[in-house]
């Protein structure tokens, strides 16, 4: 529920029910901080700290939460069936930059120039991405939901507090 659905709200809410192995695709928000609260189930939340250049992965269970600062790249994978989470934004309408859009709109010659990626291989790799993806995996992918294993297991018992001085509320 965002400002378009309820103009009087001061925050935005995204109520999510997911099965094991499904993902809220990699993305970042340009204008909001996000709190993710696990109502039931279990999820792996990965977040890239742009200041330390480290990827942090947290395994969250029922009743746990994490704050994802504005501008920090992140994704969420359900680790159990019937995972239910509520994400709360500090503004009524979050701006979202999807990883799928970043990949499909970056020209192959730019990827080659910047990272020496073979343009033909890049074009083949991103060709299936024909639209913005929010939840996945996409049906065309062939991934079997439920087979995902987090690449890093960090357990987290309290609310994450981002380091001070990196952003202002």
N, C-alpha and C. Protein backbone atom coordinates (compact mmCIF):
# COMPACT_ATOMS: atom_id res chain seq x y z
N UNK A 1 0.86 -1.16 0.00
CA UNK A 1 0.00 0.00 0.00
C UNK A 1 0.90 1.23 0.00
N UNK A 2 0.74 2.04 -1.01
CA UNK A 2 1.54 3.24 -1.16
C UNK A 2 0.63 4.45 -1.30
N UNK A 3 1.20 5.60 -1.53
CA UNK A 3 0.43 6.84 -1.59
C UNK A 3 -0.69 6.77 -2.63
N UNK A 4 -0.48 6.08 -3.72
CA UNK A 4 -1.52 5.98 -4.76
C UNK A 4 -2.77 5.28 -4.23
N UNK A 5 -2.59 4.30 -3.36
CA UNK A 5 -3.73 3.57 -2.81
C UNK A 5 -4.35 4.27 -1.60
N UNK A 6 -3.54 4.96 -0.82
CA UNK A 6 -4.02 5.63 0.39
C UNK A 6 -3.22 6.92 0.56
N UNK A 7 -3.66 8.00 -0.09
CA UNK A 7 -2.89 9.25 -0.11
C UNK A 7 -2.59 9.85 1.26
N UNK A 8 -3.32 9.47 2.29
CA UNK A 8 -3.10 10.08 3.60
C UNK A 8 -1.95 9.46 4.39
N UNK A 9 -1.38 8.35 3.91
CA UNK A 9 -0.33 7.69 4.70
C UNK A 9 1.00 8.43 4.55
N UNK A 10 1.81 8.34 5.59
CA UNK A 10 3.13 8.98 5.60
C UNK A 10 4.26 7.98 5.31
N UNK A 11 3.91 6.69 5.28
CA UNK A 11 4.87 5.65 4.97
C UNK A 11 4.28 4.75 3.88
N UNK A 12 5.12 3.90 3.34
CA UNK A 12 4.65 2.91 2.37
C UNK A 12 4.83 1.52 2.95
N UNK A 13 3.94 0.61 2.57
CA UNK A 13 3.99 -0.77 3.06
C UNK A 13 3.95 -1.73 1.89
N UNK A 14 4.76 -2.77 1.98
CA UNK A 14 4.76 -3.83 0.98
C UNK A 14 4.62 -5.14 1.74
N UNK A 15 3.45 -5.76 1.65
CA UNK A 15 3.13 -6.99 2.35
C UNK A 15 3.43 -8.16 1.42
N UNK A 16 4.34 -9.05 1.80
CA UNK A 16 4.85 -10.07 0.89
C UNK A 16 4.68 -11.46 1.50
N UNK A 17 4.14 -12.38 0.70
CA UNK A 17 4.07 -13.80 1.04
C UNK A 17 4.88 -14.53 -0.02
N UNK A 18 5.85 -15.34 0.41
CA UNK A 18 6.71 -16.02 -0.55
C UNK A 18 6.94 -17.47 -0.15
N UNK A 19 7.17 -18.31 -1.16
CA UNK A 19 7.55 -19.70 -0.93
C UNK A 19 9.06 -19.80 -0.97
N UNK A 20 9.57 -20.88 -0.43
CA UNK A 20 11.01 -21.12 -0.37
C UNK A 20 11.64 -20.99 -1.76
N UNK A 21 12.75 -20.26 -1.82
CA UNK A 21 13.50 -20.12 -3.07
C UNK A 21 13.05 -18.96 -3.95
N UNK A 22 11.98 -18.28 -3.57
CA UNK A 22 11.56 -17.11 -4.34
C UNK A 22 12.32 -15.88 -3.85
N UNK A 23 12.45 -14.90 -4.71
CA UNK A 23 13.32 -13.75 -4.43
C UNK A 23 12.61 -12.43 -4.73
N UNK A 24 12.86 -11.46 -3.88
CA UNK A 24 12.61 -10.07 -4.24
C UNK A 24 13.91 -9.64 -4.92
N UNK A 25 13.82 -9.41 -6.20
CA UNK A 25 15.00 -9.24 -7.05
C UNK A 25 15.95 -8.15 -6.56
N UNK A 26 17.23 -8.22 -6.92
CA UNK A 26 18.18 -7.17 -6.56
C UNK A 26 17.70 -5.80 -7.03
N UNK A 27 17.79 -4.82 -6.12
CA UNK A 27 17.32 -3.47 -6.42
C UNK A 27 17.86 -2.51 -5.36
N UNK A 28 17.60 -1.22 -5.56
CA UNK A 28 17.88 -0.23 -4.53
C UNK A 28 16.85 0.88 -4.64
N UNK A 29 16.73 1.64 -3.54
CA UNK A 29 15.76 2.74 -3.48
C UNK A 29 16.53 4.05 -3.42
N UNK A 30 16.14 5.00 -4.25
CA UNK A 30 16.84 6.28 -4.31
C UNK A 30 16.33 7.29 -3.30
N UNK A 31 15.15 7.03 -2.72
CA UNK A 31 14.53 8.07 -1.89
C UNK A 31 14.02 7.60 -0.53
N UNK A 32 14.18 6.33 -0.20
CA UNK A 32 13.61 5.84 1.06
C UNK A 32 14.57 4.87 1.77
N UNK A 33 14.42 4.81 3.09
CA UNK A 33 15.00 3.75 3.89
C UNK A 33 13.90 2.70 4.03
N UNK A 34 14.30 1.45 4.19
CA UNK A 34 13.34 0.36 4.24
C UNK A 34 13.58 -0.50 5.48
N UNK A 35 12.52 -0.81 6.19
CA UNK A 35 12.60 -1.75 7.29
C UNK A 35 11.89 -3.01 6.85
N UNK A 36 12.57 -4.15 6.97
CA UNK A 36 11.98 -5.44 6.62
C UNK A 36 11.73 -6.19 7.92
N UNK A 37 10.47 -6.57 8.14
CA UNK A 37 10.08 -7.28 9.35
C UNK A 37 9.55 -8.66 8.94
N UNK A 38 10.13 -9.72 9.52
CA UNK A 38 9.71 -11.08 9.21
C UNK A 38 8.57 -11.45 10.15
N UNK A 39 7.39 -11.64 9.59
CA UNK A 39 6.22 -12.02 10.37
C UNK A 39 6.23 -13.51 10.64
N UNK A 40 6.54 -14.31 9.62
CA UNK A 40 6.68 -15.75 9.78
C UNK A 40 7.62 -16.27 8.71
N UNK A 41 8.16 -17.44 8.96
CA UNK A 41 9.09 -18.04 8.01
C UNK A 41 10.51 -17.59 8.24
N UNK A 42 11.28 -17.59 7.17
CA UNK A 42 12.71 -17.27 7.27
C UNK A 42 13.18 -16.72 5.93
N UNK A 43 14.08 -15.75 5.98
CA UNK A 43 14.57 -15.13 4.75
C UNK A 43 16.05 -14.80 4.87
N UNK A 44 16.72 -14.82 3.73
CA UNK A 44 18.09 -14.34 3.62
C UNK A 44 18.02 -12.95 3.01
N UNK A 45 18.58 -11.97 3.72
CA UNK A 45 18.59 -10.59 3.23
C UNK A 45 20.05 -10.22 2.96
N UNK A 46 20.33 -9.87 1.72
CA UNK A 46 21.68 -9.47 1.34
C UNK A 46 21.67 -7.99 1.03
N UNK A 47 22.70 -7.29 1.50
CA UNK A 47 22.79 -5.85 1.32
C UNK A 47 24.25 -5.48 1.06
N UNK A 48 24.44 -4.62 0.07
CA UNK A 48 25.78 -4.18 -0.28
C UNK A 48 26.04 -2.82 0.36
N UNK A 49 27.06 -2.75 1.21
CA UNK A 49 27.45 -1.49 1.85
C UNK A 49 28.34 -0.73 0.87
N UNK A 50 27.86 0.40 0.33
CA UNK A 50 28.65 1.12 -0.67
C UNK A 50 29.87 1.82 -0.10
N UNK A 51 29.95 1.96 1.22
CA UNK A 51 31.09 2.65 1.82
C UNK A 51 32.24 1.70 2.15
N UNK A 52 31.90 0.48 2.58
CA UNK A 52 32.94 -0.51 2.89
C UNK A 52 33.18 -1.46 1.73
N UNK A 53 32.29 -1.43 0.73
CA UNK A 53 32.34 -2.33 -0.43
C UNK A 53 32.23 -3.79 0.01
N UNK A 54 31.38 -4.05 0.99
CA UNK A 54 31.17 -5.41 1.48
C UNK A 54 29.72 -5.81 1.30
N UNK A 55 29.54 -7.07 0.92
CA UNK A 55 28.21 -7.66 0.85
C UNK A 55 27.93 -8.34 2.18
N UNK A 56 26.85 -7.94 2.81
CA UNK A 56 26.46 -8.51 4.10
C UNK A 56 25.20 -9.33 3.89
N UNK A 57 25.18 -10.54 4.41
CA UNK A 57 24.02 -11.41 4.28
C UNK A 57 23.55 -11.80 5.67
N UNK A 58 22.25 -11.64 5.90
CA UNK A 58 21.66 -11.94 7.20
C UNK A 58 20.54 -12.94 7.03
N UNK A 59 20.49 -13.88 7.93
CA UNK A 59 19.41 -14.87 7.96
C UNK A 59 18.45 -14.42 9.05
N UNK A 60 17.23 -14.06 8.64
CA UNK A 60 16.24 -13.53 9.58
C UNK A 60 15.09 -14.51 9.74
N UNK A 61 14.60 -14.62 10.98
CA UNK A 61 13.47 -15.48 11.27
C UNK A 61 12.35 -14.65 11.90
N UNK A 62 11.27 -15.32 12.21
CA UNK A 62 10.07 -14.67 12.74
C UNK A 62 10.41 -13.68 13.85
N UNK A 63 9.89 -12.46 13.70
CA UNK A 63 10.06 -11.42 14.70
C UNK A 63 11.31 -10.58 14.53
N UNK A 64 12.20 -10.95 13.63
CA UNK A 64 13.42 -10.19 13.42
C UNK A 64 13.22 -9.17 12.30
N UNK A 65 14.07 -8.15 12.31
CA UNK A 65 13.96 -7.11 11.29
C UNK A 65 15.32 -6.56 10.94
N UNK A 66 15.36 -5.83 9.85
CA UNK A 66 16.59 -5.22 9.37
C UNK A 66 16.23 -3.90 8.70
N UNK A 67 17.10 -2.92 8.83
CA UNK A 67 16.93 -1.63 8.16
C UNK A 67 17.87 -1.60 6.95
N UNK A 68 17.31 -1.28 5.79
CA UNK A 68 18.08 -1.18 4.56
C UNK A 68 18.15 0.30 4.19
N UNK A 69 19.33 0.91 4.32
CA UNK A 69 19.45 2.35 4.07
C UNK A 69 19.20 2.73 2.61
N UNK A 70 18.72 3.92 2.45
CA UNK A 70 18.47 4.50 1.12
C UNK A 70 19.74 4.38 0.27
N UNK A 71 19.56 3.91 -0.95
CA UNK A 71 20.66 3.82 -1.90
C UNK A 71 21.50 2.56 -1.80
N UNK A 72 21.22 1.69 -0.83
CA UNK A 72 22.02 0.47 -0.68
C UNK A 72 21.36 -0.66 -1.47
N UNK A 73 22.12 -1.31 -2.34
CA UNK A 73 21.69 -2.41 -3.19
C UNK A 73 21.36 -3.62 -2.31
N UNK A 74 20.20 -4.27 -2.54
CA UNK A 74 19.82 -5.40 -1.69
C UNK A 74 18.85 -6.34 -2.41
N UNK A 75 18.69 -7.54 -1.83
CA UNK A 75 17.70 -8.51 -2.29
C UNK A 75 17.32 -9.40 -1.12
N UNK A 76 16.18 -10.09 -1.27
CA UNK A 76 15.65 -10.93 -0.20
C UNK A 76 15.20 -12.26 -0.81
N UNK A 77 15.63 -13.37 -0.20
CA UNK A 77 15.24 -14.70 -0.65
C UNK A 77 14.53 -15.42 0.48
N UNK A 78 13.35 -15.98 0.19
CA UNK A 78 12.63 -16.79 1.18
C UNK A 78 13.34 -18.12 1.36
N UNK A 79 13.63 -18.48 2.60
CA UNK A 79 14.32 -19.74 2.90
C UNK A 79 13.36 -20.84 3.34
N UNK A 80 12.11 -20.47 3.61
CA UNK A 80 11.08 -21.44 4.00
C UNK A 80 9.80 -21.13 3.27
N UNK A 81 8.98 -22.16 3.06
CA UNK A 81 7.64 -21.92 2.53
C UNK A 81 6.85 -21.10 3.53
N UNK A 82 5.87 -20.40 3.02
CA UNK A 82 4.98 -19.56 3.83
C UNK A 82 5.74 -18.49 4.60
N UNK A 83 6.76 -17.93 3.96
CA UNK A 83 7.46 -16.79 4.55
C UNK A 83 6.60 -15.55 4.30
N UNK A 84 6.35 -14.82 5.37
CA UNK A 84 5.52 -13.62 5.30
C UNK A 84 6.34 -12.48 5.89
N UNK A 85 6.49 -11.40 5.14
CA UNK A 85 7.24 -10.25 5.62
C UNK A 85 6.49 -8.97 5.27
N UNK A 86 6.77 -7.96 6.04
CA UNK A 86 6.23 -6.64 5.79
C UNK A 86 7.42 -5.70 5.66
N UNK A 87 7.46 -4.97 4.55
CA UNK A 87 8.49 -3.96 4.41
C UNK A 87 7.81 -2.61 4.58
N UNK A 88 8.47 -1.75 5.34
CA UNK A 88 7.92 -0.44 5.66
C UNK A 88 8.93 0.61 5.19
N UNK A 89 8.45 1.55 4.41
CA UNK A 89 9.30 2.61 3.87
C UNK A 89 9.03 3.90 4.62
N UNK A 90 10.03 4.77 4.72
CA UNK A 90 9.86 6.01 5.48
C UNK A 90 9.24 7.15 4.66
N UNK A 91 8.79 6.84 3.46
CA UNK A 91 8.03 7.78 2.63
C UNK A 91 6.92 6.98 1.96
N UNK A 92 5.84 7.63 1.55
CA UNK A 92 4.70 6.89 1.03
C UNK A 92 4.90 6.24 -0.34
N UNK A 93 5.88 6.68 -1.10
CA UNK A 93 6.11 6.11 -2.43
C UNK A 93 7.60 5.92 -2.66
N UNK A 94 8.07 4.67 -2.61
CA UNK A 94 9.49 4.44 -2.85
C UNK A 94 9.83 4.47 -4.33
N UNK A 95 10.96 5.10 -4.65
CA UNK A 95 11.52 4.98 -5.98
C UNK A 95 12.38 3.72 -5.97
N UNK A 96 12.28 2.94 -7.04
CA UNK A 96 13.01 1.66 -7.08
C UNK A 96 13.80 1.58 -8.37
N UNK A 97 15.07 1.22 -8.25
CA UNK A 97 15.91 0.93 -9.40
C UNK A 97 16.15 -0.57 -9.38
N UNK A 98 15.62 -1.26 -10.39
CA UNK A 98 15.73 -2.72 -10.46
C UNK A 98 17.04 -3.15 -11.11
N UNK A 99 17.65 -4.17 -10.55
CA UNK A 99 18.84 -4.74 -11.15
C UNK A 99 18.57 -5.22 -12.57
N UNK A 100 17.36 -5.74 -12.82
CA UNK A 100 17.01 -6.21 -14.15
C UNK A 100 17.05 -5.08 -15.17
N UNK A 101 16.62 -3.88 -14.76
CA UNK A 101 16.67 -2.74 -15.68
C UNK A 101 18.11 -2.28 -15.91
N UNK A 102 18.89 -2.28 -14.84
CA UNK A 102 20.30 -1.91 -14.98
C UNK A 102 20.99 -2.81 -15.99
N UNK A 103 20.73 -4.11 -15.90
CA UNK A 103 21.37 -5.06 -16.81
C UNK A 103 20.86 -4.91 -18.24
N UNK A 104 19.55 -4.85 -18.43
CA UNK A 104 19.02 -4.85 -19.79
C UNK A 104 19.19 -3.54 -20.52
N UNK A 105 19.37 -2.43 -19.80
CA UNK A 105 19.53 -1.15 -20.47
C UNK A 105 20.98 -0.69 -20.60
N UNK A 106 21.91 -1.41 -20.00
CA UNK A 106 23.32 -1.05 -20.18
C UNK A 106 23.80 -1.69 -21.48
N UNK A 107 24.22 -0.89 -22.45
CA UNK A 107 24.65 -1.43 -23.74
C UNK A 107 25.87 -2.33 -23.60
N UNK A 108 25.91 -3.35 -24.43
CA UNK A 108 27.01 -4.32 -24.39
C UNK A 108 28.36 -3.64 -24.63
N UNK A 109 28.40 -2.61 -25.50
CA UNK A 109 29.69 -1.95 -25.75
C UNK A 109 30.17 -1.20 -24.51
N UNK A 110 29.24 -0.72 -23.68
CA UNK A 110 29.64 -0.05 -22.44
C UNK A 110 30.18 -1.08 -21.45
N UNK A 111 29.55 -2.25 -21.35
CA UNK A 111 30.05 -3.31 -20.48
C UNK A 111 31.43 -3.78 -20.94
N UNK A 112 31.61 -3.82 -22.25
CA UNK A 112 32.93 -4.20 -22.77
C UNK A 112 33.97 -3.14 -22.43
N UNK A 113 33.64 -1.88 -22.65
CA UNK A 113 34.57 -0.79 -22.37
C UNK A 113 34.91 -0.71 -20.88
N UNK A 114 33.90 -0.87 -20.03
CA UNK A 114 34.11 -0.72 -18.59
C UNK A 114 34.73 -1.95 -17.94
N UNK A 115 34.34 -3.16 -18.39
CA UNK A 115 34.74 -4.38 -17.68
C UNK A 115 35.37 -5.46 -18.57
N UNK A 116 35.59 -5.14 -19.85
CA UNK A 116 36.16 -6.10 -20.81
C UNK A 116 35.28 -7.34 -20.97
N UNK A 117 33.97 -7.17 -20.80
CA UNK A 117 33.03 -8.26 -21.02
C UNK A 117 32.78 -8.39 -22.51
N UNK A 118 32.83 -9.62 -23.02
CA UNK A 118 32.57 -9.87 -24.42
C UNK A 118 31.15 -9.40 -24.75
N UNK A 119 30.98 -8.45 -25.69
CA UNK A 119 29.66 -7.90 -25.99
C UNK A 119 28.64 -8.96 -26.43
N UNK A 120 29.07 -9.94 -27.24
CA UNK A 120 28.14 -10.97 -27.68
C UNK A 120 27.68 -11.83 -26.51
N UNK A 121 28.61 -12.18 -25.62
CA UNK A 121 28.24 -12.98 -24.45
C UNK A 121 27.31 -12.19 -23.53
N UNK A 122 27.58 -10.90 -23.37
CA UNK A 122 26.71 -10.07 -22.52
C UNK A 122 25.30 -10.00 -23.11
N UNK A 123 25.22 -9.75 -24.41
CA UNK A 123 23.91 -9.68 -25.06
C UNK A 123 23.14 -10.99 -24.90
N UNK A 124 23.83 -12.13 -25.05
CA UNK A 124 23.17 -13.43 -24.86
C UNK A 124 22.72 -13.60 -23.41
N UNK A 125 23.56 -13.16 -22.47
CA UNK A 125 23.24 -13.34 -21.05
C UNK A 125 22.01 -12.53 -20.63
N UNK A 126 21.87 -11.32 -21.13
CA UNK A 126 20.76 -10.47 -20.70
C UNK A 126 19.54 -10.54 -21.63
N UNK A 127 19.64 -11.24 -22.75
CA UNK A 127 18.54 -11.32 -23.71
C UNK A 127 17.22 -11.79 -23.09
N UNK A 128 17.21 -12.74 -22.16
CA UNK A 128 15.93 -13.16 -21.59
C UNK A 128 15.25 -12.10 -20.72
N UNK A 129 15.99 -11.11 -20.27
CA UNK A 129 15.41 -10.08 -19.40
C UNK A 129 14.70 -9.06 -20.28
N UNK A 130 13.39 -9.24 -20.45
CA UNK A 130 12.61 -8.39 -21.33
C UNK A 130 11.76 -7.37 -20.58
N UNK A 131 11.76 -7.43 -19.24
CA UNK A 131 10.93 -6.51 -18.45
C UNK A 131 11.58 -6.33 -17.08
N UNK A 132 11.07 -5.35 -16.34
CA UNK A 132 11.51 -5.17 -14.96
C UNK A 132 11.04 -6.38 -14.15
N UNK A 133 11.88 -6.88 -13.28
CA UNK A 133 11.51 -8.02 -12.45
C UNK A 133 11.54 -7.58 -11.00
N UNK A 134 10.45 -7.84 -10.30
CA UNK A 134 10.36 -7.53 -8.88
C UNK A 134 10.47 -8.80 -8.07
N UNK A 135 9.64 -9.77 -8.37
CA UNK A 135 9.66 -11.07 -7.68
C UNK A 135 10.06 -12.14 -8.67
N UNK A 136 10.69 -13.17 -8.18
CA UNK A 136 11.13 -14.22 -9.08
C UNK A 136 11.33 -15.53 -8.35
N UNK A 137 11.88 -16.51 -9.01
CA UNK A 137 12.52 -16.40 -10.32
C UNK A 137 11.50 -16.30 -11.44
N UNK A 138 11.91 -15.71 -12.58
CA UNK A 138 10.99 -15.63 -13.72
C UNK A 138 10.62 -17.03 -14.22
N UNK A 139 9.43 -17.18 -14.76
CA UNK A 139 8.98 -18.50 -15.23
C UNK A 139 9.89 -19.07 -16.31
N UNK A 140 10.47 -18.19 -17.15
CA UNK A 140 11.31 -18.66 -18.24
C UNK A 140 12.68 -19.14 -17.77
N UNK A 141 13.00 -18.91 -16.52
CA UNK A 141 14.35 -19.16 -16.02
C UNK A 141 14.67 -20.64 -15.88
N UNK A 142 13.72 -21.44 -15.43
CA UNK A 142 13.99 -22.85 -15.22
C UNK A 142 14.56 -23.16 -13.85
N UNK A 143 14.81 -22.13 -13.01
CA UNK A 143 15.26 -22.39 -11.64
C UNK A 143 14.18 -23.13 -10.88
N UNK A 144 14.59 -23.97 -10.01
CA UNK A 144 13.65 -24.69 -9.16
C UNK A 144 13.56 -23.97 -7.82
N UNK A 145 12.43 -23.30 -7.56
CA UNK A 145 12.30 -22.67 -6.24
C UNK A 145 12.51 -23.71 -5.15
N UNK A 146 13.16 -23.28 -4.10
CA UNK A 146 13.44 -24.17 -2.99
C UNK A 146 14.85 -24.73 -2.99
N UNK A 147 15.62 -24.47 -4.05
CA UNK A 147 16.98 -25.01 -4.11
C UNK A 147 18.04 -24.01 -3.70
N UNK A 148 17.64 -22.77 -3.44
CA UNK A 148 18.60 -21.73 -3.09
C UNK A 148 19.22 -21.97 -1.73
N UNK A 149 20.52 -21.82 -1.64
CA UNK A 149 21.24 -21.86 -0.37
C UNK A 149 22.04 -20.56 -0.26
N UNK A 150 21.87 -19.80 0.83
CA UNK A 150 22.62 -18.54 0.97
C UNK A 150 24.11 -18.79 0.86
N UNK A 151 24.81 -17.88 0.20
CA UNK A 151 26.25 -18.02 0.02
C UNK A 151 27.02 -17.74 1.29
N UNK A 152 26.38 -17.11 2.24
CA UNK A 152 27.05 -16.75 3.49
C UNK A 152 26.01 -16.83 4.60
N UNK A 153 26.36 -17.44 5.70
CA UNK A 153 25.42 -17.61 6.79
C UNK A 153 25.82 -16.72 7.96
N UNK A 154 25.16 -15.59 8.09
CA UNK A 154 25.37 -14.72 9.25
C UNK A 154 24.04 -14.63 9.96
N UNK A 155 24.04 -14.95 11.22
CA UNK A 155 22.80 -14.90 11.99
C UNK A 155 22.70 -13.55 12.68
N UNK A 156 21.51 -13.05 12.75
CA UNK A 156 21.30 -11.71 13.24
C UNK A 156 20.10 -11.70 14.16
N UNK A 157 20.27 -11.25 15.38
CA UNK A 157 19.20 -11.35 16.36
C UNK A 157 18.54 -10.02 16.70
N UNK A 158 19.13 -8.91 16.35
CA UNK A 158 18.55 -7.62 16.70
C UNK A 158 18.45 -6.75 15.46
N UNK A 159 17.78 -5.64 15.59
CA UNK A 159 17.65 -4.71 14.47
C UNK A 159 19.02 -4.17 14.08
N UNK A 160 19.29 -4.20 12.79
CA UNK A 160 20.55 -3.66 12.28
C UNK A 160 20.49 -2.14 12.33
N UNK A 161 21.52 -1.52 12.85
CA UNK A 161 21.63 -0.07 12.84
C UNK A 161 22.77 0.30 11.91
N UNK A 162 22.47 0.94 10.79
CA UNK A 162 23.54 1.33 9.88
C UNK A 162 24.52 2.28 10.58
N UNK A 163 25.77 2.24 10.19
CA UNK A 163 26.75 3.14 10.79
C UNK A 163 26.30 4.59 10.66
N UNK A 164 26.56 5.38 11.67
CA UNK A 164 26.15 6.78 11.65
C UNK A 164 27.02 7.56 10.68
N UNK A 165 26.45 8.63 10.16
CA UNK A 165 27.21 9.52 9.29
C UNK A 165 27.10 9.17 7.81
N UNK A 166 26.51 8.03 7.47
CA UNK A 166 26.44 7.64 6.07
C UNK A 166 25.25 8.25 5.36
N UNK A 167 24.19 8.51 6.07
CA UNK A 167 23.02 9.09 5.43
C UNK A 167 22.20 9.80 6.50
N UNK A 168 21.34 10.64 6.05
CA UNK A 168 20.47 11.39 6.96
C UNK A 168 19.04 10.98 6.74
N UNK A 169 18.27 10.91 7.82
CA UNK A 169 16.83 10.64 7.69
C UNK A 169 16.13 11.91 7.32
